[in-house]
Amino acid sequence: MAPTLHLVRHAEGFHNANRDRSVRDPKLTPFGEEQCAQLCREFAHHDKLTHLVASHLRRTVQTCHRCFRPAVEAGKRVILLPELQETSDDPSAIGTDAADLEREYGAGLVDASRVGPGWNDKRPHTRWAMGEAKIEARAREARVLLRELARGAGADDAHLAVVSHGTFLLFLTEDRAALGGYGRPWKNAEVRSYRSLDLWGADGETLLRRVHVDHFATPASAPLPEDRTSERGPTRIDDGTGTGGDGTREG
């Protein structure tokens, strides 16, 4: 059996609720924490998880800790992969320094060994900059890195929980229809499961195939204002908080 990747978009952050992208690396809202608690209750594969992986932004680290608490309590650290980071260059998409994250969460809870210098520099000349070609390249690198993590488990039935960002997940899964403005983007705290093909391949590419292992999107636990993007369930990438269409901005 091929490794299974349980891909999750982070729960609701303050920039989602307030439509304010000017805040640097925002945390989850109380409602976002409720979403995590519900996903944790509903997720059926806690005992199978071999890896916890997340973008290094606070909201993804928090989401991973809260959604997969049994694995955290069993001693698994969240592996931070900068390749999974947000696609835009808004302040809300700029991550906190790795050393600060380790101090904030504790070195025993996160593994920042793969976060190199300059990973939160999104100026145009860097590999982390906006632009479809650079994001596609980063998504390709992320797929290969996830394959390598699964390979390191020593078994082809590894289960990885991977927390990232809505638009980047479209690139990661090569969902061209949604990137083109059609289909269904990811809601906050939504999980979709995929299998990584060609586990033992030596090339610089790997493919993901969606499987019906798990799909879960948290419903609203209370009435929400219309501008809460986490529950709007739009049919286009542009949810009213970013540019949409070009696949480079999301919440």
Protein backbone atom coordinates (compact mmCIF):
# COMPACT_ATOMS: atom_id res chain seq x y z
CA MET A 1 0.00 0.00 0.00
CA ALA A 2 1.27 3.49 -0.82
CA PRO A 3 1.81 6.06 1.96
CA THR A 4 -1.26 8.09 2.89
CA LEU A 5 -1.10 11.86 3.26
CA HIS A 6 -3.89 13.43 5.29
CA LEU A 7 -3.74 17.00 3.98
CA VAL A 8 -5.33 19.71 6.12
CA ARG A 9 -5.89 23.41 5.64
CA HIS A 10 -5.25 25.32 8.86
CA ALA A 11 -8.21 26.26 11.04
CA GLU A 12 -9.57 29.80 11.15
CA GLY A 13 -6.97 32.46 11.91
CA PHE A 14 -7.58 36.03 12.99
CA HIS A 15 -6.72 37.24 9.48
CA ASN A 16 -9.59 35.08 8.16
CA ALA A 17 -12.11 36.33 10.69
CA ASN A 18 -11.09 40.00 10.42
CA ARG A 19 -10.02 40.04 6.78
CA ASP A 20 -6.87 41.74 7.96
CA ARG A 21 -3.70 40.50 6.28
CA SER A 22 -1.54 43.19 7.86
CA VAL A 23 -0.95 41.22 11.08
CA ARG A 24 2.30 39.25 11.04
CA ASP A 25 1.85 35.49 11.39
CA PRO A 26 -1.56 35.49 13.16
CA LYS A 27 -2.73 32.74 15.50
CA LEU A 28 -5.99 30.80 15.50
CA THR A 29 -9.22 32.37 16.66
CA PRO A 30 -11.25 30.71 19.44
CA PHE A 31 -13.52 29.38 16.70
CA GLY A 32 -10.47 28.00 14.91
CA GLU A 33 -9.53 26.16 18.09
CA GLU A 34 -13.06 24.72 18.21
CA GLN A 35 -12.63 23.54 14.62
CA CYS A 36 -9.43 21.75 15.62
CA ALA A 37 -11.09 20.07 18.58
CA GLN A 38 -13.88 18.80 16.37
CA LEU A 39 -11.50 17.50 13.71
CA CYS A 40 -9.49 15.76 16.44
CA ARG A 41 -12.65 14.01 17.64
CA GLU A 42 -13.73 12.98 14.15
CA PHE A 43 -10.37 11.91 12.68
CA ALA A 44 -10.27 8.12 12.59
CA HIS A 45 -6.58 7.42 12.02
CA HIS A 46 -4.73 8.85 15.02
CA ASP A 47 -3.22 5.45 15.82
CA LYS A 48 -1.79 5.11 12.30
CA LEU A 49 0.06 8.43 12.10
CA THR A 50 3.80 8.08 11.57
CA HIS A 51 4.58 11.77 10.98
CA LEU A 52 3.17 15.20 11.81
CA VAL A 53 4.20 17.86 9.28
CA ALA A 54 3.26 21.52 8.98
CA SER A 55 4.11 24.83 7.43
CA HIS A 56 6.07 26.88 9.94
CA LEU A 57 3.40 29.57 10.35
CA ARG A 58 1.76 29.77 13.76
CA ARG A 59 -1.73 28.87 12.57
CA THR A 60 -0.55 25.67 10.89
CA VAL A 61 1.59 24.62 13.86
CA GLN A 62 -1.33 25.28 16.21
CA THR A 63 -3.71 23.39 13.93
CA CYS A 64 -1.39 20.39 13.78
CA HIS A 65 -0.93 20.30 17.55
CA ARG A 66 -4.64 20.56 18.28
CA CYS A 67 -6.02 18.34 15.51
CA PHE A 68 -3.57 15.51 16.12
CA ARG A 69 -3.18 15.81 19.88
CA PRO A 70 -2.99 12.03 20.51
CA ALA A 71 0.13 11.78 18.34
CA VAL A 72 1.64 14.85 20.03
CA GLU A 73 0.95 13.37 23.45
CA ALA A 74 2.57 10.14 22.27
CA GLY A 75 5.78 12.09 21.65
CA LYS A 76 5.65 12.94 17.95
CA ARG A 77 7.09 16.33 17.08
CA VAL A 78 5.69 18.51 14.31
CA ILE A 79 8.18 18.60 11.45
CA LEU A 80 8.29 22.12 10.01
CA LEU A 81 8.67 22.26 6.22
CA PRO A 82 9.06 25.78 4.79
CA GLU A 83 8.09 24.38 1.38
CA LEU A 84 4.51 24.15 2.71
CA GLN A 85 4.27 27.84 3.57
CA GLU A 86 1.68 30.35 2.39
CA THR A 87 1.76 31.53 -1.23
CA SER A 88 1.40 35.30 -0.77
CA ASP A 89 3.76 37.95 0.55
CA ASP A 90 1.26 39.64 2.87
CA PRO A 91 2.42 40.14 6.48
CA SER A 92 -0.02 37.42 7.56
CA ALA A 93 1.90 35.02 5.31
CA ILE A 94 5.36 35.83 6.67
CA GLY A 95 6.48 33.30 9.25
CA THR A 96 8.15 33.72 12.61
CA ASP A 97 11.83 32.84 12.96
CA ALA A 98 12.37 29.15 13.66
CA ALA A 99 14.21 29.83 16.93
CA ASP A 100 11.25 31.87 18.16
CA LEU A 101 8.86 29.06 17.24
CA GLU A 102 10.94 26.57 19.17
CA ARG A 103 10.89 28.86 22.20
CA GLU A 104 7.16 29.44 21.82
CA TYR A 105 6.16 25.79 21.45
CA GLY A 106 9.13 24.04 23.01
CA ALA A 107 11.86 22.17 21.15
CA GLY A 108 10.17 18.95 22.20
CA LEU A 109 7.03 19.83 20.22
CA VAL A 110 8.46 21.08 16.91
CA ASP A 111 11.34 19.96 14.72
CA ALA A 112 12.74 23.01 12.92
CA SER A 113 15.85 21.27 11.59
CA ARG A 114 14.63 21.59 7.98
CA VAL A 115 14.01 25.34 8.24
CA GLY A 116 17.06 27.02 6.74
CA PRO A 117 18.07 30.68 6.66
CA GLY A 118 16.00 33.07 4.58
CA TRP A 119 12.87 30.93 4.47
CA ASN A 120 10.67 33.88 5.50
CA ASP A 121 12.17 36.24 2.90
CA LYS A 122 9.58 36.59 0.14
CA ARG A 123 11.24 39.26 -1.94
CA PRO A 124 10.94 38.69 -5.71
CA HIS A 125 14.45 37.22 -6.15
CA THR A 126 13.97 34.47 -3.56
CA ARG A 127 12.63 30.94 -4.05
CA TRP A 128 9.79 31.77 -1.62
CA ALA A 129 8.45 34.68 -3.71
CA MET A 130 4.99 34.87 -5.23
CA GLY A 131 4.49 33.75 -8.81
CA GLU A 132 2.99 30.60 -10.27
CA ALA A 133 6.25 29.09 -11.55
CA LYS A 134 8.01 29.44 -8.19
CA ILE A 135 5.04 28.07 -6.27
CA GLU A 136 4.76 25.10 -8.64
CA ALA A 137 8.47 24.36 -8.12
CA ARG A 138 8.04 24.59 -4.36
CA ALA A 139 5.03 22.25 -4.47
CA ARG A 140 7.07 19.74 -6.47
CA GLU A 141 9.84 19.92 -3.86
CA ALA A 142 7.28 19.46 -1.08
CA ARG A 143 5.86 16.31 -2.69
CA VAL A 144 9.34 14.82 -2.93
CA LEU A 145 10.18 15.76 0.67
CA LEU A 146 6.97 14.17 1.91
CA ARG A 147 7.80 11.05 -0.08
CA GLU A 148 11.23 10.96 1.58
CA LEU A 149 9.67 11.27 5.03
CA ALA A 150 7.32 8.38 4.25
CA ARG A 151 10.22 6.34 2.92
CA GLY A 152 12.11 6.96 6.14
CA ALA A 153 9.32 5.25 8.08
CA GLY A 154 10.56 1.98 6.61
CA ALA A 155 7.11 0.91 5.46
CA ASP A 156 4.89 1.79 2.54
CA ASP A 157 1.82 2.13 4.76
CA ALA A 158 3.02 5.33 6.48
CA HIS A 159 0.37 7.90 7.40
CA LEU A 160 1.42 11.56 7.39
CA ALA A 161 -0.73 14.42 8.71
CA VAL A 162 0.26 17.51 6.71
CA VAL A 163 -1.08 20.97 7.60
CA SER A 164 -0.68 23.78 5.07
CA HIS A 165 -2.61 26.62 3.39
CA GLY A 166 -5.58 26.60 1.03
CA THR A 167 -4.05 27.82 -2.20
CA PHE A 168 -0.77 26.02 -1.69
CA LEU A 169 -2.68 22.77 -1.20
CA LEU A 170 -4.14 23.28 -4.68
CA PHE A 171 -0.60 23.43 -6.05
CA LEU A 172 0.55 20.51 -3.90
CA THR A 173 -2.26 18.30 -5.22
CA GLU A 174 -2.02 19.74 -8.75
CA ASP A 175 -5.69 20.66 -8.70
CA ARG A 176 -5.62 22.64 -11.92
CA ALA A 177 -9.40 23.02 -12.10
CA ALA A 178 -9.58 24.83 -8.75
CA LEU A 179 -6.47 26.87 -9.58
CA GLY A 180 -8.23 27.97 -12.74
CA GLY A 181 -11.13 29.31 -10.71
CA TYR A 182 -13.39 26.26 -10.82
CA GLY A 183 -14.04 23.43 -8.45
CA ARG A 184 -13.98 23.72 -4.68
CA PRO A 185 -11.18 25.36 -2.68
CA TRP A 186 -10.29 24.13 0.79
CA LYS A 187 -12.23 25.28 3.83
CA ASN A 188 -10.51 25.99 7.11
CA ALA A 189 -9.81 22.77 9.06
CA GLU A 190 -10.75 20.59 6.10
CA VAL A 191 -8.90 17.30 5.61
CA ARG A 192 -8.61 15.36 2.36
CA SER A 193 -6.58 12.19 2.06
CA TYR A 194 -4.20 11.27 -0.77
CA ARG A 195 -1.77 8.49 -1.55
CA SER A 196 1.78 9.18 -2.67
CA LEU A 197 2.62 7.14 -5.75
CA ASP A 198 6.02 5.63 -6.55
CA LEU A 199 7.38 5.62 -3.00
CA TRP A 200 10.75 4.23 -4.05
CA GLY A 201 11.25 6.44 -7.10
CA ALA A 202 14.57 8.25 -7.45
CA ASP A 203 13.42 11.13 -9.62
CA GLY A 204 12.60 14.67 -8.55
CA GLU A 205 8.88 14.23 -8.93
CA THR A 206 6.10 12.26 -7.32
CA LEU A 207 2.36 12.21 -7.84
CA LEU A 208 -0.51 12.29 -5.39
CA ARG A 209 -3.78 10.49 -5.94
CA ARG A 210 -6.81 11.37 -3.88
CA VAL A 211 -8.37 8.43 -2.07
CA HIS A 212 -11.48 8.05 0.04
CA VAL A 213 -9.60 7.29 3.23
CA ASP A 214 -10.89 10.40 4.95
CA HIS A 215 -12.62 13.64 4.16
CA PHE A 216 -13.83 15.96 6.86
CA ALA A 217 -14.82 19.62 6.90
CA THR A 218 -15.93 21.13 10.18
CA PRO A 219 -19.46 22.54 10.11
CA ALA A 220 -20.25 25.79 11.88
CA SER A 221 -20.82 25.24 15.57
CA ALA A 222 -22.67 28.55 15.83
CA PRO A 223 -24.07 31.15 13.39
CA LEU A 224 -21.23 33.13 11.81
CA PRO A 225 -21.06 36.52 10.12
CA GLU A 226 -21.10 36.22 6.34
CA ASP A 227 -17.51 37.42 6.04
CA ARG A 228 -16.15 34.44 7.97
CA THR A 229 -14.35 32.79 5.06
CA SER A 230 -13.92 29.51 6.93
CA GLU A 231 -17.58 28.61 6.44
CA ARG A 232 -18.50 30.26 3.18
CA GLY A 233 -17.56 27.31 1.00
CA PRO A 234 -16.97 29.38 -2.17
CA THR A 235 -16.72 27.77 -5.60
CA ARG A 236 -13.86 30.00 -6.72
CA ILE A 237 -10.39 30.55 -5.28
CA ASP A 238 -11.11 34.22 -4.69
CA ASP A 239 -13.08 34.23 -1.45
CA GLY A 240 -13.19 38.01 -1.27
CA THR A 241 -10.04 38.33 0.81
CA GLY A 242 -7.38 37.90 -1.87
CA THR A 243 -6.72 38.15 -5.56
CA GLY A 244 -7.87 34.61 -6.44
CA GLY A 245 -7.51 33.42 -10.04
CA ASP A 246 -3.72 33.46 -10.21
CA GLY A 247 -3.42 31.00 -7.34
CA THR A 248 -0.99 33.11 -5.37
CA ARG A 249 -3.06 34.50 -2.50
CA GLU A 250 -5.33 32.83 -0.02
CA GLY A 251 -6.31 32.92 3.62
